[in-house]
Amino acid sequence: MANLTRYDPFNLARIDPFGELDDLFKGFFVRPVAFEGQPQMQIKMDLKEDDNAYTVHADIPGVKKEDIHVSIEGNQVSISAEAKMEKEEKKGEKVLRSERYYGKVARSFTLAHDVDDAKALAKYNDGVLELTLPKKASTAAKNLAIQ
């Protein structure tokens, strides 16, 4: 049997002149635009926790350790890095294709506990940044005596 529906000329809900156009642009402004041939650098990382500290391993290949900056503010940790282009063209040589990334990249994350920034350590070796972020000793709650 066919499904029959009653036509109501005053029902505006079923008229959607921009419905197909909306599907065309769905997600267009949400996703970042990636240009063809432009490699994108990302900071990929692992975060581990034990009773005393957090350990972060962040992959930042092709960056000098002088160009990596880590800032800690309470329980907020920010990592930023800049890969700089080095001109190494020899006479008579031209670049046919370049896929290496040059530019700035940053990543921030929030931890469950505040970090003791005075005891925090950072090491950079073979493209991997290792952060040791000790947890700040929590102060015990103090009950006041009422007089």
N, C-alpha and C. Protein backbone atom coordinates (compact mmCIF):
# COMPACT_ATOMS: atom_id res chain seq x y z
N MET A 1 0.83 -1.18 0.00
CA MET A 1 0.00 0.00 0.00
C MET A 1 0.88 1.24 0.00
N ALA A 2 0.37 2.27 -0.57
CA ALA A 2 1.10 3.53 -0.65
C ALA A 2 0.80 4.35 0.60
N ASN A 3 1.82 5.07 1.02
CA ASN A 3 1.63 5.98 2.15
C ASN A 3 0.98 7.25 1.64
N LEU A 4 -0.17 7.57 2.19
CA LEU A 4 -0.90 8.76 1.77
C LEU A 4 -0.75 9.84 2.83
N THR A 5 -0.47 11.04 2.38
CA THR A 5 -0.40 12.17 3.29
C THR A 5 -1.36 13.24 2.82
N ARG A 6 -1.89 13.95 3.76
CA ARG A 6 -2.85 14.99 3.44
C ARG A 6 -2.08 16.28 3.15
N TYR A 7 -2.41 16.93 2.06
CA TYR A 7 -1.77 18.19 1.67
C TYR A 7 -2.41 19.34 2.41
N ASP A 8 -1.55 20.12 3.10
CA ASP A 8 -2.03 21.30 3.82
C ASP A 8 -1.32 22.51 3.23
N PRO A 9 -1.99 23.37 2.49
CA PRO A 9 -1.32 24.49 1.82
C PRO A 9 -0.80 25.54 2.79
N PHE A 10 -1.25 25.52 4.05
CA PHE A 10 -0.82 26.53 5.02
C PHE A 10 0.32 26.02 5.92
N ASN A 11 0.76 24.82 5.71
CA ASN A 11 1.84 24.25 6.51
C ASN A 11 3.18 24.65 5.89
N LEU A 12 3.88 25.57 6.54
CA LEU A 12 5.16 26.05 6.02
C LEU A 12 6.33 25.19 6.46
N ALA A 13 6.10 24.27 7.37
CA ALA A 13 7.19 23.46 7.91
C ALA A 13 7.79 22.54 6.85
N ARG A 14 6.98 22.14 5.88
CA ARG A 14 7.51 21.20 4.90
C ARG A 14 8.23 21.89 3.74
N ILE A 15 8.13 23.20 3.64
CA ILE A 15 8.82 23.93 2.58
C ILE A 15 10.18 24.38 3.10
N ASP A 16 11.23 23.89 2.47
CA ASP A 16 12.59 24.25 2.88
C ASP A 16 13.40 24.55 1.62
N PRO A 17 13.33 25.80 1.14
CA PRO A 17 14.02 26.11 -0.12
C PRO A 17 15.54 26.04 -0.02
N PHE A 18 16.10 26.14 1.19
CA PHE A 18 17.56 26.13 1.33
C PHE A 18 18.08 24.82 1.91
N GLY A 19 17.27 23.80 1.96
CA GLY A 19 17.66 22.52 2.56
C GLY A 19 18.85 21.88 1.87
N GLU A 20 18.83 21.84 0.54
CA GLU A 20 19.94 21.24 -0.19
C GLU A 20 21.18 22.11 -0.09
N LEU A 21 21.02 23.41 -0.07
CA LEU A 21 22.15 24.32 0.05
C LEU A 21 22.81 24.18 1.42
N ASP A 22 21.99 23.94 2.45
CA ASP A 22 22.52 23.75 3.79
C ASP A 22 23.40 22.51 3.85
N ASP A 23 22.98 21.43 3.19
CA ASP A 23 23.78 20.22 3.16
C ASP A 23 25.11 20.44 2.44
N LEU A 24 25.11 21.31 1.44
CA LEU A 24 26.32 21.60 0.70
C LEU A 24 27.38 22.25 1.59
N PHE A 25 26.95 23.18 2.46
CA PHE A 25 27.89 23.90 3.30
C PHE A 25 28.04 23.32 4.70
N LYS A 26 27.39 22.19 4.98
CA LYS A 26 27.47 21.60 6.31
C LYS A 26 28.91 21.26 6.65
N GLY A 27 29.42 21.80 7.73
CA GLY A 27 30.78 21.53 8.17
C GLY A 27 31.84 22.33 7.45
N PHE A 28 31.45 23.18 6.49
CA PHE A 28 32.45 23.94 5.73
C PHE A 28 33.22 24.90 6.63
N PHE A 29 32.54 25.57 7.55
CA PHE A 29 33.20 26.55 8.40
C PHE A 29 33.70 25.94 9.71
N VAL A 30 33.40 24.68 9.95
CA VAL A 30 33.81 24.03 11.19
C VAL A 30 35.21 23.46 11.06
N ARG A 31 35.46 22.78 9.95
CA ARG A 31 36.76 22.15 9.75
C ARG A 31 37.79 23.17 9.31
N PRO A 32 39.03 23.03 9.77
CA PRO A 32 40.07 23.93 9.27
C PRO A 32 40.35 23.65 7.80
N VAL A 33 40.68 24.69 7.10
CA VAL A 33 40.95 24.56 5.67
C VAL A 33 42.39 24.09 5.49
N ALA A 34 42.58 23.03 4.74
CA ALA A 34 43.92 22.52 4.44
C ALA A 34 44.18 22.74 2.96
N PHE A 35 45.25 23.42 2.67
CA PHE A 35 45.59 23.68 1.29
C PHE A 35 46.39 22.52 0.73
N GLU A 36 46.13 22.18 -0.50
CA GLU A 36 46.81 21.06 -1.15
C GLU A 36 48.30 21.35 -1.23
N GLY A 37 49.09 20.37 -0.85
CA GLY A 37 50.53 20.52 -0.91
C GLY A 37 51.13 21.18 0.32
N GLN A 38 50.31 21.60 1.27
CA GLN A 38 50.80 22.22 2.50
C GLN A 38 50.80 21.18 3.61
N PRO A 39 51.95 20.66 4.01
CA PRO A 39 51.97 19.71 5.12
C PRO A 39 51.64 20.43 6.42
N GLN A 40 50.98 19.73 7.31
CA GLN A 40 50.61 20.32 8.59
C GLN A 40 51.35 19.61 9.71
N MET A 41 51.94 20.39 10.57
CA MET A 41 52.65 19.84 11.72
C MET A 41 51.69 19.77 12.89
N GLN A 42 51.74 18.68 13.62
CA GLN A 42 50.92 18.51 14.80
C GLN A 42 51.80 18.01 15.93
N ILE A 43 51.45 18.39 17.13
CA ILE A 43 52.14 17.86 18.30
C ILE A 43 51.32 16.68 18.79
N LYS A 44 51.85 15.48 18.60
CA LYS A 44 51.20 14.27 19.09
C LYS A 44 51.84 13.92 20.42
N MET A 45 51.02 13.51 21.40
CA MET A 45 51.60 13.28 22.71
C MET A 45 50.92 12.15 23.47
N ASP A 46 51.66 11.62 24.43
CA ASP A 46 51.17 10.64 25.38
C ASP A 46 51.25 11.28 26.75
N LEU A 47 50.25 11.06 27.59
CA LEU A 47 50.21 11.62 28.94
C LEU A 47 49.99 10.48 29.91
N LYS A 48 50.89 10.36 30.87
CA LYS A 48 50.80 9.31 31.88
C LYS A 48 50.79 9.96 33.26
N GLU A 49 50.19 9.25 34.22
CA GLU A 49 50.09 9.79 35.58
C GLU A 49 50.44 8.70 36.58
N ASP A 50 51.17 9.09 37.61
CA ASP A 50 51.34 8.22 38.77
C ASP A 50 50.94 9.02 40.01
N ASP A 51 51.24 8.52 41.18
CA ASP A 51 50.79 9.20 42.41
C ASP A 51 51.43 10.56 42.61
N ASN A 52 52.65 10.74 42.09
CA ASN A 52 53.40 11.97 42.38
C ASN A 52 53.51 12.94 41.22
N ALA A 53 53.39 12.45 39.98
CA ALA A 53 53.67 13.34 38.84
C ALA A 53 52.96 12.88 37.59
N TYR A 54 52.95 13.79 36.60
CA TYR A 54 52.49 13.50 35.24
C TYR A 54 53.73 13.40 34.37
N THR A 55 53.69 12.53 33.37
CA THR A 55 54.77 12.42 32.40
C THR A 55 54.17 12.59 31.01
N VAL A 56 54.75 13.52 30.25
CA VAL A 56 54.28 13.83 28.90
C VAL A 56 55.39 13.51 27.92
N HIS A 57 55.06 12.76 26.87
CA HIS A 57 55.97 12.53 25.75
C HIS A 57 55.30 13.16 24.53
N ALA A 58 55.91 14.21 23.99
CA ALA A 58 55.33 14.93 22.85
C ALA A 58 56.28 14.83 21.66
N ASP A 59 55.74 14.38 20.54
CA ASP A 59 56.52 14.28 19.30
C ASP A 59 56.55 15.63 18.61
N ILE A 60 57.75 16.22 18.53
CA ILE A 60 57.95 17.49 17.84
C ILE A 60 59.19 17.35 16.97
N PRO A 61 59.10 16.63 15.86
CA PRO A 61 60.29 16.39 15.04
C PRO A 61 60.67 17.61 14.21
N GLY A 62 61.96 17.71 13.94
CA GLY A 62 62.46 18.76 13.05
C GLY A 62 62.53 20.13 13.66
N VAL A 63 62.47 20.23 14.97
CA VAL A 63 62.50 21.52 15.67
C VAL A 63 63.70 21.53 16.61
N LYS A 64 64.40 22.63 16.65
CA LYS A 64 65.51 22.77 17.59
C LYS A 64 64.95 23.03 18.99
N LYS A 65 65.69 22.57 20.01
CA LYS A 65 65.17 22.72 21.37
C LYS A 65 65.06 24.18 21.80
N GLU A 66 65.82 25.07 21.16
CA GLU A 66 65.72 26.50 21.47
C GLU A 66 64.40 27.09 20.99
N ASP A 67 63.75 26.41 20.03
CA ASP A 67 62.50 26.91 19.45
C ASP A 67 61.26 26.28 20.07
N ILE A 68 61.43 25.54 21.18
CA ILE A 68 60.30 24.94 21.89
C ILE A 68 60.10 25.69 23.20
N HIS A 69 58.86 26.03 23.48
CA HIS A 69 58.54 26.76 24.72
C HIS A 69 57.42 26.03 25.45
N VAL A 70 57.62 25.85 26.76
CA VAL A 70 56.63 25.20 27.61
C VAL A 70 56.28 26.18 28.72
N SER A 71 54.99 26.40 28.92
CA SER A 71 54.57 27.26 30.03
C SER A 71 53.57 26.50 30.89
N ILE A 72 53.70 26.70 32.19
CA ILE A 72 52.84 26.04 33.17
C ILE A 72 52.19 27.11 34.03
N GLU A 73 50.88 27.04 34.10
CA GLU A 73 50.14 28.00 34.91
C GLU A 73 49.07 27.23 35.68
N GLY A 74 49.39 26.89 36.94
CA GLY A 74 48.46 26.09 37.73
C GLY A 74 48.38 24.68 37.19
N ASN A 75 47.21 24.30 36.65
CA ASN A 75 47.06 22.98 36.05
C ASN A 75 46.98 23.05 34.52
N GLN A 76 47.27 24.22 33.96
CA GLN A 76 47.24 24.43 32.50
C GLN A 76 48.67 24.36 31.97
N VAL A 77 48.90 23.48 30.98
CA VAL A 77 50.23 23.32 30.37
C VAL A 77 50.11 23.67 28.89
N SER A 78 51.03 24.49 28.40
CA SER A 78 51.04 24.89 26.99
C SER A 78 52.40 24.59 26.39
N ILE A 79 52.38 23.97 25.22
CA ILE A 79 53.61 23.66 24.48
C ILE A 79 53.50 24.35 23.13
N SER A 80 54.54 25.11 22.77
CA SER A 80 54.57 25.73 21.46
C SER A 80 55.94 25.51 20.84
N ALA A 81 55.97 25.42 19.52
CA ALA A 81 57.22 25.18 18.81
C ALA A 81 57.17 25.89 17.46
N GLU A 82 58.37 26.19 16.96
CA GLU A 82 58.46 26.84 15.65
C GLU A 82 59.54 26.16 14.83
N ALA A 83 59.16 25.67 13.68
CA ALA A 83 60.10 25.09 12.74
C ALA A 83 60.45 26.18 11.73
N LYS A 84 61.72 26.51 11.64
CA LYS A 84 62.16 27.59 10.77
C LYS A 84 62.75 27.04 9.48
N MET A 85 62.49 27.74 8.40
CA MET A 85 63.01 27.33 7.09
C MET A 85 64.47 27.76 6.98
N GLU A 86 65.29 26.83 6.56
CA GLU A 86 66.71 27.13 6.35
C GLU A 86 66.99 27.05 4.86
N LYS A 87 67.55 28.12 4.33
CA LYS A 87 67.87 28.17 2.90
C LYS A 87 69.21 27.47 2.69
N GLU A 88 69.17 26.38 1.94
CA GLU A 88 70.39 25.64 1.64
C GLU A 88 70.54 25.42 0.14
N GLU A 89 70.09 26.38 -0.65
CA GLU A 89 70.16 26.22 -2.09
C GLU A 89 71.59 26.46 -2.58
N LYS A 90 72.05 25.55 -3.41
CA LYS A 90 73.36 25.70 -4.01
C LYS A 90 73.18 26.32 -5.39
N LYS A 91 74.25 26.84 -5.91
CA LYS A 91 74.19 27.48 -7.22
C LYS A 91 73.79 26.46 -8.29
N GLY A 92 72.80 26.82 -9.10
CA GLY A 92 72.33 25.94 -10.15
C GLY A 92 71.32 24.90 -9.67
N GLU A 93 70.99 24.91 -8.40
CA GLU A 93 70.06 23.93 -7.85
C GLU A 93 68.71 24.58 -7.61
N LYS A 94 67.64 23.88 -7.96
CA LYS A 94 66.31 24.42 -7.68
C LYS A 94 65.48 23.36 -6.97
N VAL A 95 64.55 23.82 -6.16
CA VAL A 95 63.68 22.93 -5.39
C VAL A 95 62.55 22.45 -6.29
N LEU A 96 62.42 21.14 -6.43
CA LEU A 96 61.35 20.57 -7.24
C LEU A 96 60.10 20.30 -6.41
N ARG A 97 60.28 19.92 -5.16
CA ARG A 97 59.16 19.63 -4.27
C ARG A 97 59.62 19.79 -2.84
N SER A 98 58.81 20.45 -2.02
CA SER A 98 59.13 20.62 -0.61
C SER A 98 57.91 20.22 0.22
N GLU A 99 58.08 19.20 1.07
CA GLU A 99 56.99 18.71 1.89
C GLU A 99 57.25 18.94 3.38
N ARG A 100 58.34 19.56 3.70
CA ARG A 100 58.66 19.80 5.10
C ARG A 100 57.87 20.98 5.62
N TYR A 101 57.49 20.90 6.89
CA TYR A 101 56.65 21.94 7.49
C TYR A 101 57.51 23.04 8.07
N TYR A 102 57.10 24.27 7.84
CA TYR A 102 57.75 25.43 8.44
C TYR A 102 56.65 26.31 9.01
N GLY A 103 56.79 26.68 10.25
CA GLY A 103 55.79 27.53 10.87
C GLY A 103 55.67 27.22 12.35
N LYS A 104 54.63 27.76 12.96
CA LYS A 104 54.41 27.60 14.40
C LYS A 104 53.28 26.61 14.66
N VAL A 105 53.40 25.92 15.77
CA VAL A 105 52.36 25.00 16.21
C VAL A 105 52.28 25.09 17.73
N ALA A 106 51.09 24.90 18.29
CA ALA A 106 50.92 24.99 19.74
C ALA A 106 49.88 23.98 20.19
N ARG A 107 49.99 23.59 21.44
CA ARG A 107 49.04 22.66 22.04
C ARG A 107 48.94 22.98 23.52
N SER A 108 47.74 23.01 24.06
CA SER A 108 47.50 23.26 25.48
C SER A 108 46.58 22.19 26.02
N PHE A 109 46.75 21.88 27.29
CA PHE A 109 45.88 20.91 27.93
C PHE A 109 45.80 21.22 29.41
N THR A 110 44.74 20.71 30.04
CA THR A 110 44.50 20.95 31.46
C THR A 110 44.60 19.63 32.21
N LEU A 111 45.30 19.65 33.32
CA LEU A 111 45.48 18.47 34.15
C LEU A 111 44.53 18.52 35.35
N ALA A 112 44.34 17.39 36.00
CA ALA A 112 43.42 17.33 37.14
C ALA A 112 43.99 18.02 38.38
N HIS A 113 45.32 18.03 38.53
CA HIS A 113 45.96 18.64 39.69
C HIS A 113 46.89 19.76 39.24
N ASP A 114 47.13 20.72 40.13
CA ASP A 114 48.11 21.77 39.84
C ASP A 114 49.51 21.17 39.76
N VAL A 115 50.36 21.80 38.95
CA VAL A 115 51.72 21.33 38.75
C VAL A 115 52.67 22.18 39.56
N ASP A 116 53.63 21.53 40.22
CA ASP A 116 54.68 22.23 40.95
C ASP A 116 55.73 22.66 39.92
N ASP A 117 55.56 23.88 39.39
CA ASP A 117 56.43 24.32 38.30
C ASP A 117 57.88 24.50 38.71
N ALA A 118 58.17 24.64 39.99
CA ALA A 118 59.56 24.77 40.44
C ALA A 118 60.32 23.46 40.29
N LYS A 119 59.62 22.33 40.32
CA LYS A 119 60.27 21.02 40.22
C LYS A 119 60.07 20.36 38.86
N ALA A 120 59.41 21.02 37.94
CA ALA A 120 59.13 20.44 36.63
C ALA A 120 60.41 20.34 35.80
N LEU A 121 60.51 19.28 35.00
CA LEU A 121 61.69 19.04 34.16
C LEU A 121 61.26 18.85 32.71
N ALA A 122 62.11 19.29 31.79
CA ALA A 122 61.85 19.12 30.36
C ALA A 122 63.14 18.64 29.68
N LYS A 123 63.02 17.58 28.87
CA LYS A 123 64.15 17.06 28.10
C LYS A 123 63.70 16.91 26.65
N TYR A 124 64.59 17.20 25.71
CA TYR A 124 64.29 17.06 24.29
C TYR A 124 65.38 16.24 23.65
N ASN A 125 65.00 15.07 23.09
CA ASN A 125 65.98 14.19 22.48
C ASN A 125 65.32 13.45 21.32
N ASP A 126 65.97 13.46 20.16
CA ASP A 126 65.51 12.74 18.97
C ASP A 126 64.07 13.09 18.58
N GLY A 127 63.70 14.36 18.68
CA GLY A 127 62.38 14.80 18.25
C GLY A 127 61.27 14.56 19.25
N VAL A 128 61.62 14.09 20.45
CA VAL A 128 60.61 13.82 21.48
C VAL A 128 60.88 14.70 22.69
N LEU A 129 59.88 15.48 23.07
CA LEU A 129 59.95 16.31 24.27
C LEU A 129 59.36 15.51 25.42
N GLU A 130 60.14 15.35 26.50
CA GLU A 130 59.67 14.64 27.68
C GLU A 130 59.53 15.63 28.83
N LEU A 131 58.33 15.74 29.34
CA LEU A 131 58.05 16.61 30.48
C LEU A 131 57.74 15.77 31.70
N THR A 132 58.36 16.10 32.81
CA THR A 132 58.03 15.50 34.09
C THR A 132 57.41 16.61 34.93
N LEU A 133 56.14 16.48 35.22
CA LEU A 133 55.38 17.53 35.89
C LEU A 133 54.90 17.03 37.24
N PRO A 134 55.66 17.32 38.32
CA PRO A 134 55.25 16.87 39.65
C PRO A 134 53.97 17.55 40.10
N LYS A 135 53.14 16.79 40.79
CA LYS A 135 51.90 17.36 41.32
C LYS A 135 52.22 18.21 42.52
N LYS A 136 51.52 19.31 42.64
CA LYS A 136 51.70 20.20 43.78
C LYS A 136 51.08 19.53 45.00
N ALA A 137 51.80 19.58 46.12
CA ALA A 137 51.29 18.98 47.35
C ALA A 137 50.00 19.70 47.76
N SER A 138 48.97 18.93 47.90
CA SER A 138 47.69 19.54 48.28
C SER A 138 47.70 19.87 49.75
N THR A 139 47.20 21.02 50.05
CA THR A 139 47.13 21.42 51.46
C THR A 139 45.90 20.79 52.07
N ALA A 140 46.09 20.24 53.23
CA ALA A 140 44.97 19.59 53.93
C ALA A 140 43.97 20.65 54.38
N ALA A 141 42.74 20.27 54.40
CA ALA A 141 41.70 21.21 54.84
C ALA A 141 41.88 21.49 56.33
N LYS A 142 41.72 22.74 56.66
CA LYS A 142 41.93 23.14 58.04
C LYS A 142 40.58 23.56 58.62
N ASN A 143 40.25 22.95 59.74
CA ASN A 143 39.02 23.32 60.43
C ASN A 143 39.32 24.38 61.45
N LEU A 144 38.56 25.44 61.39
CA LEU A 144 38.73 26.53 62.35
C LEU A 144 37.86 26.28 63.56
N ALA A 145 38.46 26.55 64.71
CA ALA A 145 37.68 26.46 65.94
C ALA A 145 36.86 27.73 66.12
N ILE A 146 35.61 27.57 66.39
CA ILE A 146 34.73 28.72 66.59
C ILE A 146 34.74 29.10 68.05
N GLN A 147 34.99 30.37 68.29
CA GLN A 147 35.09 30.84 69.68
C GLN A 147 33.81 31.50 70.12
